[in-house]
């Protein structure tokens, strides 16, 4: 029996790249059972029980792994917009596999410049051929949105859905996560400003003085502008935008439209089966049933004020937010 990890990985499509350790130049692979793609939660959180289901190889050997591939498409998103649920809904026997936040793409966000060329290799390994499906959908973390242009260049036959939501549900999701949610919102603003920033004429003091929900709202606003520009740019024919509220009202129709846009045979797609799937009554991030959380009056007032503030900025800058749906 071979002990060469490359041969082991080649032998089973359950093996996927999981993360990269840049400090020691190795790539970690994990073996994912097929049912894991349908489960709540994210792939980066999955840990196999058997140590034999983990392999490590030098980054330099990634290109040695030979696999047949399927078409691969992407769901990019602005966070808190039901993208995890959509990824799970795209898991359909005989049609497609949906992968929610494989850790490997997050590993590439801060890749040293000399390793950027391995992006195309990683995408090929995620797209490896599987029995009984004709396409792969990957939903990366929103923290990898800076890589969208590189991903679209590295995978020229891929199509992408840009999924977003209105400001109010976004900020409500930030707020209900308490201190860590507020901290996340501020950090997200700093992150997105680095690669999709706008000159808003704000001094460092004004930036510091913003409330947490203002900062999170600005992150959302920058995302809207970023997605709008990408969707109308060089990849416009390979990109469609999707509103979370439309998906909430039209699960099966949304999936059908995505399959049509991605040129995937949907003759075996059953809208009734999808609509009755238990995943729509579960919390897709893995914490049990869907939780209903109602904000208090003071929070509602603050969110309304942030929305009014951003509407003024949008008018002054000629920016339309949120992104208008183009998936038809």
C-alpha atoms as a PDB file:
ATOM      1  CA  UNK A   1       0.000   0.000   0.000  1.00  0.00           C
ATOM      2  CA  UNK A   2       1.365   3.398  -1.019  1.00  0.00           C
ATOM      3  CA  UNK A   3       2.312   5.975   1.565  1.00  0.00           C
ATOM      4  CA  UNK A   4       2.856   8.751  -0.977  1.00  0.00           C
ATOM      5  CA  UNK A   5       0.283  11.412  -0.016  1.00  0.00           C
ATOM      6  CA  UNK A   6      -0.021  12.629  -3.606  1.00  0.00           C
ATOM      7  CA  UNK A   7      -1.115   9.181  -4.784  1.00  0.00           C
ATOM      8  CA  UNK A   8      -3.456   8.810  -1.799  1.00  0.00           C
ATOM      9  CA  UNK A   9      -5.087  12.176  -2.564  1.00  0.00           C
ATOM     10  CA  UNK A  10      -5.405  11.360  -6.246  1.00  0.00           C
ATOM     11  CA  UNK A  11      -7.208   8.121  -5.460  1.00  0.00           C
ATOM     12  CA  UNK A  12     -10.337   9.515  -3.788  1.00  0.00           C
ATOM     13  CA  UNK A  13     -12.379  12.655  -4.629  1.00  0.00           C
ATOM     14  CA  UNK A  14     -13.161  13.024  -0.925  1.00  0.00           C
ATOM     15  CA  UNK A  15      -9.693  14.540  -0.495  1.00  0.00           C
ATOM     16  CA  UNK A  16      -9.739  18.342  -0.735  1.00  0.00           C
ATOM     17  CA  UNK A  17      -7.155  21.020   0.074  1.00  0.00           C
ATOM     18  CA  UNK A  18      -7.984  22.416   3.503  1.00  0.00           C
ATOM     19  CA  UNK A  19      -5.357  24.978   4.465  1.00  0.00           C
ATOM     20  CA  UNK A  20      -1.813  26.146   3.846  1.00  0.00           C
ATOM     21  CA  UNK A  21       0.932  26.784   6.358  1.00  0.00           C
ATOM     22  CA  UNK A  22       3.066  29.453   4.705  1.00  0.00           C
ATOM     23  CA  UNK A  23       5.675  29.333   7.455  1.00  0.00           C
ATOM     24  CA  UNK A  24       6.730  25.760   6.703  1.00  0.00           C
ATOM     25  CA  UNK A  25       5.600  25.614   3.062  1.00  0.00           C
ATOM     26  CA  UNK A  26       3.045  22.830   3.374  1.00  0.00           C
ATOM     27  CA  UNK A  27      -0.520  22.258   2.221  1.00  0.00           C
ATOM     28  CA  UNK A  28      -2.969  20.335   4.402  1.00  0.00           C
ATOM     29  CA  UNK A  29      -5.598  18.060   2.867  1.00  0.00           C
ATOM     30  CA  UNK A  30      -8.619  16.492   4.536  1.00  0.00           C
ATOM     31  CA  UNK A  31     -10.957  13.737   3.437  1.00  0.00           C
ATOM     32  CA  UNK A  32     -14.548  14.978   3.464  1.00  0.00           C
ATOM     33  CA  UNK A  33     -17.463  12.532   3.499  1.00  0.00           C
ATOM     34  CA  UNK A  34     -19.995  13.468   0.830  1.00  0.00           C
ATOM     35  CA  UNK A  35     -22.725  14.132   3.412  1.00  0.00           C
ATOM     36  CA  UNK A  36     -20.585  16.869   4.977  1.00  0.00           C
ATOM     37  CA  UNK A  37     -21.429  19.185   2.072  1.00  0.00           C
ATOM     38  CA  UNK A  38     -25.115  19.013   3.026  1.00  0.00           C
ATOM     39  CA  UNK A  39     -24.523  19.507   6.753  1.00  0.00           C
ATOM     40  CA  UNK A  40     -24.949  22.840   8.564  1.00  0.00           C
ATOM     41  CA  UNK A  41     -21.785  24.771   9.236  1.00  0.00           C
ATOM     42  CA  UNK A  42     -18.640  25.493   7.270  1.00  0.00           C
ATOM     43  CA  UNK A  43     -16.107  23.159   5.719  1.00  0.00           C
ATOM     44  CA  UNK A  44     -13.184  24.956   7.385  1.00  0.00           C
ATOM     45  CA  UNK A  45     -14.615  23.846  10.755  1.00  0.00           C
ATOM     46  CA  UNK A  46     -14.712  20.141   9.883  1.00  0.00           C
ATOM     47  CA  UNK A  47     -12.176  17.880  11.581  1.00  0.00           C
ATOM     48  CA  UNK A  48     -12.008  14.179  10.602  1.00  0.00           C
ATOM     49  CA  UNK A  49     -12.117  11.760  13.520  1.00  0.00           C
ATOM     50  CA  UNK A  50      -9.523   9.499  11.898  1.00  0.00           C
ATOM     51  CA  UNK A  51      -6.009  10.937  11.643  1.00  0.00           C
ATOM     52  CA  UNK A  52      -5.599   8.911   8.432  1.00  0.00           C
ATOM     53  CA  UNK A  53      -8.068  11.316   6.829  1.00  0.00           C
ATOM     54  CA  UNK A  54      -5.492  14.098   6.996  1.00  0.00           C
ATOM     55  CA  UNK A  55      -2.487  14.464   4.720  1.00  0.00           C
ATOM     56  CA  UNK A  56       0.225  17.083   4.366  1.00  0.00           C
ATOM     57  CA  UNK A  57       2.394  17.754   1.340  1.00  0.00           C
ATOM     58  CA  UNK A  58       4.914  20.428   0.339  1.00  0.00           C
ATOM     59  CA  UNK A  59       3.305  23.300  -1.574  1.00  0.00           C
ATOM     60  CA  UNK A  60       5.702  22.515  -4.399  1.00  0.00           C
ATOM     61  CA  UNK A  61       3.969  19.142  -4.911  1.00  0.00           C
ATOM     62  CA  UNK A  62       0.458  20.557  -5.390  1.00  0.00           C
ATOM     63  CA  UNK A  63       0.956  20.667  -9.139  1.00  0.00           C
ATOM     64  CA  UNK A  64       1.853  16.967  -9.093  1.00  0.00           C
ATOM     65  CA  UNK A  65      -1.712  15.973  -8.123  1.00  0.00           C
ATOM     66  CA  UNK A  66      -3.535  14.854 -11.274  1.00  0.00           C
ATOM     67  CA  UNK A  67      -7.329  14.902 -11.158  1.00  0.00           C
ATOM     68  CA  UNK A  68     -10.183  15.059 -13.639  1.00  0.00           C
ATOM     69  CA  UNK A  69     -12.356  18.126 -13.083  1.00  0.00           C
ATOM     70  CA  UNK A  70     -15.931  19.367 -13.337  1.00  0.00           C
ATOM     71  CA  UNK A  71     -17.113  22.908 -14.115  1.00  0.00           C
ATOM     72  CA  UNK A  72     -16.703  25.065 -11.007  1.00  0.00           C
ATOM     73  CA  UNK A  73     -18.781  28.143 -10.170  1.00  0.00           C
ATOM     74  CA  UNK A  74     -18.837  30.523  -7.216  1.00  0.00           C
ATOM     75  CA  UNK A  75     -21.158  32.218  -4.757  1.00  0.00           C
ATOM     76  CA  UNK A  76     -19.502  35.392  -3.480  1.00  0.00           C
ATOM     77  CA  UNK A  77     -21.352  37.299  -0.774  1.00  0.00           C
ATOM     78  CA  UNK A  78     -21.411  40.223   1.637  1.00  0.00           C
ATOM     79  CA  UNK A  79     -22.066  38.105   4.773  1.00  0.00           C
ATOM     80  CA  UNK A  80     -25.345  37.594   6.660  1.00  0.00           C
ATOM     81  CA  UNK A  81     -27.293  37.200   3.409  1.00  0.00           C
ATOM     82  CA  UNK A  82     -28.319  33.507   3.427  1.00  0.00           C
ATOM     83  CA  UNK A  83     -25.387  32.474   1.245  1.00  0.00           C
ATOM     84  CA  UNK A  84     -24.658  29.447   3.449  1.00  0.00           C
ATOM     85  CA  UNK A  85     -28.241  28.291   2.990  1.00  0.00           C
ATOM     86  CA  UNK A  86     -27.922  28.753  -0.769  1.00  0.00           C
ATOM     87  CA  UNK A  87     -24.702  26.732  -0.792  1.00  0.00           C
ATOM     88  CA  UNK A  88     -26.479  23.878   0.984  1.00  0.00           C
ATOM     89  CA  UNK A  89     -29.454  24.137  -1.388  1.00  0.00           C
ATOM     90  CA  UNK A  90     -27.088  23.686  -4.349  1.00  0.00           C
ATOM     91  CA  UNK A  91     -26.268  20.167  -3.147  1.00  0.00           C
ATOM     92  CA  UNK A  92     -28.510  18.104  -5.397  1.00  0.00           C
ATOM     93  CA  UNK A  93     -28.040  14.475  -6.355  1.00  0.00           C
ATOM     94  CA  UNK A  94     -27.377  14.118 -10.047  1.00  0.00           C
ATOM     95  CA  UNK A  95     -26.792  17.853 -10.474  1.00  0.00           C
ATOM     96  CA  UNK A  96     -24.239  19.630  -8.265  1.00  0.00           C
ATOM     97  CA  UNK A  97     -22.230  19.818  -5.054  1.00  0.00           C
ATOM     98  CA  UNK A  98     -22.177  23.008  -2.988  1.00  0.00           C
ATOM     99  CA  UNK A  99     -19.151  23.700  -0.781  1.00  0.00           C
ATOM    100  CA  UNK A 100     -19.585  26.236   2.005  1.00  0.00           C
ATOM    101  CA  UNK A 101     -16.403  28.085   2.954  1.00  0.00           C
ATOM    102  CA  UNK A 102     -13.564  25.643   2.340  1.00  0.00           C
ATOM    103  CA  UNK A 103     -10.688  26.872   4.444  1.00  0.00           C
ATOM    104  CA  UNK A 104      -8.156  26.731   1.634  1.00  0.00           C
ATOM    105  CA  UNK A 105      -9.466  29.886  -0.058  1.00  0.00           C
ATOM    106  CA  UNK A 106      -9.169  31.876   3.159  1.00  0.00           C
ATOM    107  CA  UNK A 107      -5.570  30.602   3.362  1.00  0.00           C
ATOM    108  CA  UNK A 108      -4.856  32.226   0.009  1.00  0.00           C
ATOM    109  CA  UNK A 109      -5.980  35.719   1.025  1.00  0.00           C
ATOM    110  CA  UNK A 110      -2.606  36.557   2.567  1.00  0.00           C
ATOM    111  CA  UNK A 111      -0.474  34.366   0.332  1.00  0.00           C
ATOM    112  CA  UNK A 112       3.041  35.653  -0.333  1.00  0.00           C
ATOM    113  CA  UNK A 113       3.365  37.012  -3.863  1.00  0.00           C
ATOM    114  CA  UNK A 114       5.462  34.087  -5.059  1.00  0.00           C
ATOM    115  CA  UNK A 115       2.650  31.669  -4.229  1.00  0.00           C
ATOM    116  CA  UNK A 116      -0.169  33.493  -6.041  1.00  0.00           C
ATOM    117  CA  UNK A 117       0.105  31.162  -9.090  1.00  0.00           C
ATOM    118  CA  UNK A 118      -1.095  28.222  -6.994  1.00  0.00           C
ATOM    119  CA  UNK A 119      -4.621  29.697  -6.957  1.00  0.00           C
ATOM    120  CA  UNK A 120      -5.454  27.990 -10.257  1.00  0.00           C
ATOM    121  CA  UNK A 121      -4.140  24.679  -8.880  1.00  0.00           C
ATOM    122  CA  UNK A 122      -6.275  24.985  -5.741  1.00  0.00           C
ATOM    123  CA  UNK A 123      -9.398  25.714  -7.795  1.00  0.00           C
ATOM    124  CA  UNK A 124      -8.695  22.669  -9.956  1.00  0.00           C
ATOM    125  CA  UNK A 125      -8.425  20.492  -6.856  1.00  0.00           C
ATOM    126  CA  UNK A 126     -11.719  21.837  -5.473  1.00  0.00           C
ATOM    127  CA  UNK A 127     -13.332  21.101  -8.840  1.00  0.00           C
ATOM    128  CA  UNK A 128     -12.218  17.479  -8.965  1.00  0.00           C
ATOM    129  CA  UNK A 129     -14.627  15.084 -10.600  1.00  0.00           C
ATOM    130  CA  UNK A 130     -17.258  13.363  -8.480  1.00  0.00           C
ATOM    131  CA  UNK A 131     -19.641  10.585  -9.393  1.00  0.00           C
ATOM    132  CA  UNK A 132     -23.237  11.587  -9.976  1.00  0.00           C
ATOM    133  CA  UNK A 133     -22.914  15.367 -10.344  1.00  0.00           C
ATOM    134  CA  UNK A 134     -22.032  17.660 -13.215  1.00  0.00           C
ATOM    135  CA  UNK A 135     -20.785  20.813 -11.451  1.00  0.00           C
ATOM    136  CA  UNK A 136     -19.258  22.210  -8.267  1.00  0.00           C
ATOM    137  CA  UNK A 137     -20.341  25.401  -6.497  1.00  0.00           C
ATOM    138  CA  UNK A 138     -17.947  26.989  -4.011  1.00  0.00           C
ATOM    139  CA  UNK A 139     -19.007  29.675  -1.545  1.00  0.00           C
ATOM    140  CA  UNK A 140     -15.823  31.249  -0.113  1.00  0.00           C
ATOM    141  CA  UNK A 141     -15.757  33.308   3.071  1.00  0.00           C
ATOM    142  CA  UNK A 142     -16.594  36.979   2.487  1.00  0.00           C
ATOM    143  CA  UNK A 143     -13.096  37.747   3.816  1.00  0.00           C
ATOM    144  CA  UNK A 144     -11.783  36.337   0.535  1.00  0.00           C
ATOM    145  CA  UNK A 145     -13.737  38.828  -1.602  1.00  0.00           C
ATOM    146  CA  UNK A 146     -10.510  40.662  -2.388  1.00  0.00           C
ATOM    147  CA  UNK A 147      -9.587  37.569  -4.448  1.00  0.00           C
ATOM    148  CA  UNK A 148     -12.635  37.726  -6.732  1.00  0.00           C
ATOM    149  CA  UNK A 149     -10.788  39.263  -9.708  1.00  0.00           C
ATOM    150  CA  UNK A 150      -7.949  36.751  -9.337  1.00  0.00           C
ATOM    151  CA  UNK A 151     -10.373  33.824  -9.048  1.00  0.00           C
ATOM    152  CA  UNK A 152     -12.295  34.919 -12.138  1.00  0.00           C
ATOM    153  CA  UNK A 153      -9.021  35.266 -14.058  1.00  0.00           C
ATOM    154  CA  UNK A 154      -7.678  31.912 -12.843  1.00  0.00           C
ATOM    155  CA  UNK A 155     -10.889  30.079 -13.773  1.00  0.00           C
ATOM    156  CA  UNK A 156     -12.059  31.666 -17.054  1.00  0.00           C
ATOM    157  CA  UNK A 157     -14.922  29.217 -17.627  1.00  0.00           C
ATOM    158  CA  UNK A 158     -16.448  29.789 -14.200  1.00  0.00           C
ATOM    159  CA  UNK A 159     -19.537  31.850 -13.491  1.00  0.00           C
ATOM    160  CA  UNK A 160     -20.320  33.660 -10.268  1.00  0.00           C
ATOM    161  CA  UNK A 161     -23.291  34.729  -8.200  1.00  0.00           C
ATOM    162  CA  UNK A 162     -22.796  37.893  -6.131  1.00  0.00           C
ATOM    163  CA  UNK A 163     -25.213  37.614  -3.217  1.00  0.00           C
ATOM    164  CA  UNK A 164     -26.089  40.506  -0.947  1.00  0.00           C
ATOM    165  CA  UNK A 165     -28.827  41.847   1.311  1.00  0.00           C
ATOM    166  CA  UNK A 166     -30.329  45.133   2.416  1.00  0.00           C
ATOM    167  CA  UNK A 167     -28.568  47.194   5.075  1.00  0.00           C
ATOM    168  CA  UNK A 168     -31.073  46.621   7.884  1.00  0.00           C
ATOM    169  CA  UNK A 169     -30.803  42.801   8.082  1.00  0.00           C
ATOM    170  CA  UNK A 170     -27.031  43.085   7.738  1.00  0.00           C
ATOM    171  CA  UNK A 171     -26.745  45.444  10.702  1.00  0.00           C
ATOM    172  CA  UNK A 172     -29.253  43.437  12.734  1.00  0.00           C
ATOM    173  CA  UNK A 173     -27.033  40.378  12.236  1.00  0.00           C
ATOM    174  CA  UNK A 174     -24.012  42.352  13.423  1.00  0.00           C
ATOM    175  CA  UNK A 175     -25.888  43.682  16.452  1.00  0.00           C
ATOM    176  CA  UNK A 176     -27.356  40.411  17.676  1.00  0.00           C
ATOM    177  CA  UNK A 177     -23.863  38.880  17.893  1.00  0.00           C
ATOM    178  CA  UNK A 178     -23.028  41.257  20.715  1.00  0.00           C
ATOM    179  CA  UNK A 179     -19.525  42.513  21.393  1.00  0.00           C
ATOM    180  CA  UNK A 180     -17.855  40.136  18.931  1.00  0.00           C
ATOM    181  CA  UNK A 181     -20.303  41.101  16.195  1.00  0.00           C
ATOM    182  CA  UNK A 182     -19.630  44.799  16.735  1.00  0.00           C
ATOM    183  CA  UNK A 183     -15.891  44.160  16.732  1.00  0.00           C
ATOM    184  CA  UNK A 184     -16.270  42.106  13.541  1.00  0.00           C
ATOM    185  CA  UNK A 185     -18.107  44.987  11.854  1.00  0.00           C
ATOM    186  CA  UNK A 186     -15.390  47.505  12.632  1.00  0.00           C
ATOM    187  CA  UNK A 187     -12.647  45.149  11.479  1.00  0.00           C
ATOM    188  CA  UNK A 188     -14.578  44.408   8.288  1.00  0.00           C
ATOM    189  CA  UNK A 189     -14.665  48.109   7.442  1.00  0.00           C
ATOM    190  CA  UNK A 190     -10.886  48.359   7.858  1.00  0.00           C
ATOM    191  CA  UNK A 191     -10.437  45.224   5.756  1.00  0.00           C
ATOM    192  CA  UNK A 192     -12.669  46.195   2.836  1.00  0.00           C
ATOM    193  CA  UNK A 193     -11.328  49.753   2.797  1.00  0.00           C
ATOM    194  CA  UNK A 194      -7.914  48.300   1.904  1.00  0.00           C
ATOM    195  CA  UNK A 195      -9.000  46.877  -1.467  1.00  0.00           C
ATOM    196  CA  UNK A 196     -12.389  48.451  -2.263  1.00  0.00           C
ATOM    197  CA  UNK A 197     -12.080  51.743  -0.432  1.00  0.00           C
ATOM    198  CA  UNK A 198     -13.635  55.077  -1.288  1.00  0.00           C
ATOM    199  CA  UNK A 199     -12.419  58.547  -0.371  1.00  0.00           C
ATOM    200  CA  UNK A 200     -15.207  59.636   1.943  1.00  0.00           C
ATOM    201  CA  UNK A 201     -13.356  62.719   3.135  1.00  0.00           C
ATOM    202  CA  UNK A 202     -13.223  61.448   6.704  1.00  0.00           C
ATOM    203  CA  UNK A 203     -10.301  62.283   8.950  1.00  0.00           C
ATOM    204  CA  UNK A 204      -8.710  59.619  11.175  1.00  0.00           C
ATOM    205  CA  UNK A 205     -10.544  61.187  14.115  1.00  0.00           C
ATOM    206  CA  UNK A 206     -13.895  60.942  12.302  1.00  0.00           C
ATOM    207  CA  UNK A 207     -13.198  57.317  11.437  1.00  0.00           C
ATOM    208  CA  UNK A 208     -12.396  56.529  15.060  1.00  0.00           C
ATOM    209  CA  UNK A 209     -15.491  58.370  16.303  1.00  0.00           C
ATOM    210  CA  UNK A 210     -17.937  56.301  14.238  1.00  0.00           C
ATOM    211  CA  UNK A 211     -20.267  53.993  16.118  1.00  0.00           C
ATOM    212  CA  UNK A 212     -19.824  50.269  15.594  1.00  0.00           C
ATOM    213  CA  UNK A 213     -22.932  50.083  13.417  1.00  0.00           C
ATOM    214  CA  UNK A 214     -21.741  53.054  11.357  1.00  0.00           C
ATOM    215  CA  UNK A 215     -18.467  51.258  10.643  1.00  0.00           C
ATOM    216  CA  UNK A 216     -20.267  48.014   9.802  1.00  0.00           C
ATOM    217  CA  UNK A 217     -22.686  49.965   7.617  1.00  0.00           C
ATOM    218  CA  UNK A 218     -19.787  51.514   5.723  1.00  0.00           C
ATOM    219  CA  UNK A 219     -18.311  48.046   5.176  1.00  0.00           C
ATOM    220  CA  UNK A 220     -21.653  46.968   3.702  1.00  0.00           C
ATOM    221  CA  UNK A 221     -21.718  50.110   1.525  1.00  0.00           C
ATOM    222  CA  UNK A 222     -18.202  49.463   0.212  1.00  0.00           C
ATOM    223  CA  UNK A 223     -19.207  45.899  -0.626  1.00  0.00           C
ATOM    224  CA  UNK A 224     -22.208  47.154  -2.622  1.00  0.00           C
ATOM    225  CA  UNK A 225     -20.013  49.461  -4.670  1.00  0.00           C
ATOM    226  CA  UNK A 226     -17.364  46.756  -5.139  1.00  0.00           C
ATOM    227  CA  UNK A 227     -19.914  44.193  -6.348  1.00  0.00           C
ATOM    228  CA  UNK A 228     -21.572  46.717  -8.649  1.00  0.00           C
ATOM    229  CA  UNK A 229     -18.244  47.598 -10.274  1.00  0.00           C
ATOM    230  CA  UNK A 230     -17.207  43.957 -10.677  1.00  0.00           C
ATOM    231  CA  UNK A 231     -20.598  42.957 -12.086  1.00  0.00           C
ATOM    232  CA  UNK A 232     -20.358  45.665 -14.736  1.00  0.00           C
ATOM    233  CA  UNK A 233     -16.653  45.179 -15.433  1.00  0.00           C
ATOM    234  CA  UNK A 234     -14.636  42.691 -17.498  1.00  0.00           C
ATOM    235  CA  UNK A 235     -16.518  39.692 -16.059  1.00  0.00           C
ATOM    236  CA  UNK A 236     -20.025  41.097 -16.543  1.00  0.00           C
ATOM    237  CA  UNK A 237     -21.121  38.250 -18.812  1.00  0.00           C
ATOM    238  CA  UNK A 238     -20.054  35.689 -16.173  1.00  0.00           C
ATOM    239  CA  UNK A 239     -21.601  37.412 -13.148  1.00  0.00           C
ATOM    240  CA  UNK A 240     -25.149  37.772 -11.844  1.00  0.00           C
ATOM    241  CA  UNK A 241     -26.230  39.505  -8.650  1.00  0.00           C
ATOM    242  CA  UNK A 242     -28.764  38.025  -6.233  1.00  0.00           C
ATOM    243  CA  UNK A 243     -30.834  39.661  -3.507  1.00  0.00           C
ATOM    244  CA  UNK A 244     -31.200  37.644  -0.298  1.00  0.00           C
ATOM    245  CA  UNK A 245     -34.846  38.621   0.108  1.00  0.00           C
ATOM    246  CA  UNK A 246     -35.665  37.250  -3.353  1.00  0.00           C
ATOM    247  CA  UNK A 247     -33.994  33.959  -2.414  1.00  0.00           C
ATOM    248  CA  UNK A 248     -35.937  33.824   0.854  1.00  0.00           C
ATOM    249  CA  UNK A 249     -39.205  34.136  -1.058  1.00  0.00           C
ATOM    250  CA  UNK A 250     -38.237  31.949  -4.022  1.00  0.00           C
ATOM    251  CA  UNK A 251     -35.892  29.109  -3.070  1.00  0.00           C
ATOM    252  CA  UNK A 252     -36.575  26.779  -5.984  1.00  0.00           C
ATOM    253  CA  UNK A 253     -36.837  29.536  -8.575  1.00  0.00           C
ATOM    254  CA  UNK A 254     -33.510  30.992  -7.452  1.00  0.00           C
ATOM    255  CA  UNK A 255     -31.761  27.632  -7.742  1.00  0.00           C
ATOM    256  CA  UNK A 256     -33.329  27.040 -11.158  1.00  0.00           C
ATOM    257  CA  UNK A 257     -32.128  30.439 -12.372  1.00  0.00           C
ATOM    258  CA  UNK A 258     -28.611  29.737 -11.115  1.00  0.00           C
ATOM    259  CA  UNK A 259     -28.507  26.372 -12.878  1.00  0.00           C
ATOM    260  CA  UNK A 260     -29.705  27.990 -16.102  1.00  0.00           C
ATOM    261  CA  UNK A 261     -27.153  30.788 -15.849  1.00  0.00           C
ATOM    262  CA  UNK A 262     -24.341  28.309 -15.210  1.00  0.00           C
ATOM    263  CA  UNK A 263     -25.466  26.149 -18.165  1.00  0.00           C
ATOM    264  CA  UNK A 264     -26.063  23.114 -15.933  1.00  0.00           C
ATOM    265  CA  UNK A 265     -28.511  20.416 -17.000  1.00  0.00           C
ATOM    266  CA  UNK A 266     -31.422  20.702 -14.561  1.00  0.00           C
ATOM    267  CA  UNK A 267     -33.752  18.143 -16.118  1.00  0.00           C
ATOM    268  CA  UNK A 268     -33.706  16.143 -12.867  1.00  0.00           C
ATOM    269  CA  UNK A 269     -34.257  19.190 -10.650  1.00  0.00           C
ATOM    270  CA  UNK A 270     -37.403  18.938  -8.536  1.00  0.00           C
ATOM    271  CA  UNK A 271     -38.634  22.283  -7.154  1.00  0.00           C
ATOM    272  CA  UNK A 272     -41.060  20.519  -4.811  1.00  0.00           C
ATOM    273  CA  UNK A 273     -38.315  18.346  -3.326  1.00  0.00           C
ATOM    274  CA  UNK A 274     -36.107  21.356  -2.712  1.00  0.00           C
ATOM    275  CA  UNK A 275     -38.858  23.471  -1.136  1.00  0.00           C
ATOM    276  CA  UNK A 276     -39.696  20.641   1.273  1.00  0.00           C
ATOM    277  CA  UNK A 277     -36.069  19.991   2.249  1.00  0.00           C
ATOM    278  CA  UNK A 278     -35.392  20.169   6.010  1.00  0.00           C
ATOM    279  CA  UNK A 279     -32.472  22.539   5.474  1.00  0.00           C
ATOM    280  CA  UNK A 280     -34.897  25.470   5.267  1.00  0.00           C
ATOM    281  CA  UNK A 281     -35.998  24.922   8.879  1.00  0.00           C
ATOM    282  CA  UNK A 282     -32.430  24.609  10.202  1.00  0.00           C
ATOM    283  CA  UNK A 283     -29.853  27.208  11.112  1.00  0.00           C
ATOM    284  CA  UNK A 284     -27.313  26.795   8.313  1.00  0.00           C
ATOM    285  CA  UNK A 285     -24.344  27.890  10.379  1.00  0.00           C
ATOM    286  CA  UNK A 286     -24.740  24.812  12.529  1.00  0.00           C
ATOM    287  CA  UNK A 287     -26.307  25.976  15.791  1.00  0.00           C
ATOM    288  CA  UNK A 288     -29.650  24.179  15.606  1.00  0.00           C
ATOM    289  CA  UNK A 289     -32.975  25.652  14.569  1.00  0.00           C
ATOM    290  CA  UNK A 290     -33.411  29.121  13.074  1.00  0.00           C
ATOM    291  CA  UNK A 291     -33.444  31.795  15.779  1.00  0.00           C
ATOM    292  CA  UNK A 292     -35.754  34.789  15.653  1.00  0.00           C
ATOM    293  CA  UNK A 293     -34.278  37.886  17.263  1.00  0.00           C
ATOM    294  CA  UNK A 294     -36.066  41.232  17.455  1.00  0.00           C
ATOM    295  CA  UNK A 295     -33.984  44.390  17.974  1.00  0.00           C
ATOM    296  CA  UNK A 296     -35.003  46.955  20.561  1.00  0.00           C
ATOM    297  CA  UNK A 297     -36.268  50.442  19.761  1.00  0.00           C
ATOM    298  CA  UNK A 298     -32.910  52.123  20.366  1.00  0.00           C
ATOM    299  CA  UNK A 299     -31.178  49.736  17.969  1.00  0.00           C
ATOM    300  CA  UNK A 300     -33.894  50.259  15.363  1.00  0.00           C
ATOM    301  CA  UNK A 301     -33.384  53.997  15.676  1.00  0.00           C
ATOM    302  CA  UNK A 302     -29.612  53.721  15.295  1.00  0.00           C
ATOM    303  CA  UNK A 303     -29.933  51.476  12.244  1.00  0.00           C
ATOM    304  CA  UNK A 304     -32.389  53.938  10.670  1.00  0.00           C
ATOM    305  CA  UNK A 305     -29.940  56.774  11.304  1.00  0.00           C
ATOM    306  CA  UNK A 306     -27.069  54.801   9.758  1.00  0.00           C
ATOM    307  CA  UNK A 307     -29.248  54.008   6.757  1.00  0.00           C
ATOM    308  CA  UNK A 308     -30.160  57.684   6.296  1.00  0.00           C
ATOM    309  CA  UNK A 309     -26.486  58.674   6.592  1.00  0.00           C
ATOM    310  CA  UNK A 310     -25.439  56.134   3.955  1.00  0.00           C
ATOM    311  CA  UNK A 311     -28.260  57.212   1.642  1.00  0.00           C
ATOM    312  CA  UNK A 312     -26.861  60.756   1.746  1.00  0.00           C
ATOM    313  CA  UNK A 313     -23.356  59.472   0.948  1.00  0.00           C
ATOM    314  CA  UNK A 314     -24.721  57.318  -1.899  1.00  0.00           C
ATOM    315  CA  UNK A 315     -26.541  60.275  -3.462  1.00  0.00           C
ATOM    316  CA  UNK A 316     -23.488  62.510  -3.189  1.00  0.00           C
ATOM    317  CA  UNK A 317     -21.228  59.875  -4.791  1.00  0.00           C
ATOM    318  CA  UNK A 318     -23.734  58.628  -7.376  1.00  0.00           C
ATOM    319  CA  UNK A 319     -23.640  55.073  -6.006  1.00  0.00           C
ATOM    320  CA  UNK A 320     -26.656  52.779  -6.024  1.00  0.00           C
ATOM    321  CA  UNK A 321     -26.942  50.598  -2.947  1.00  0.00           C
ATOM    322  CA  UNK A 322     -27.877  47.885  -2.388  1.00  0.00           C
ATOM    323  CA  UNK A 323     -26.825  46.097  -5.561  1.00  0.00           C
ATOM    324  CA  UNK A 324     -29.760  45.517  -7.894  1.00  0.00           C
ATOM    325  CA  UNK A 325     -30.507  41.872  -8.722  1.00  0.00           C
ATOM    326  CA  UNK A 326     -29.584  40.765 -12.244  1.00  0.00           C
ATOM    327  CA  UNK A 327     -30.143  37.003 -11.885  1.00  0.00           C
ATOM    328  CA  UNK A 328     -33.110  36.281 -14.149  1.00  0.00           C
END
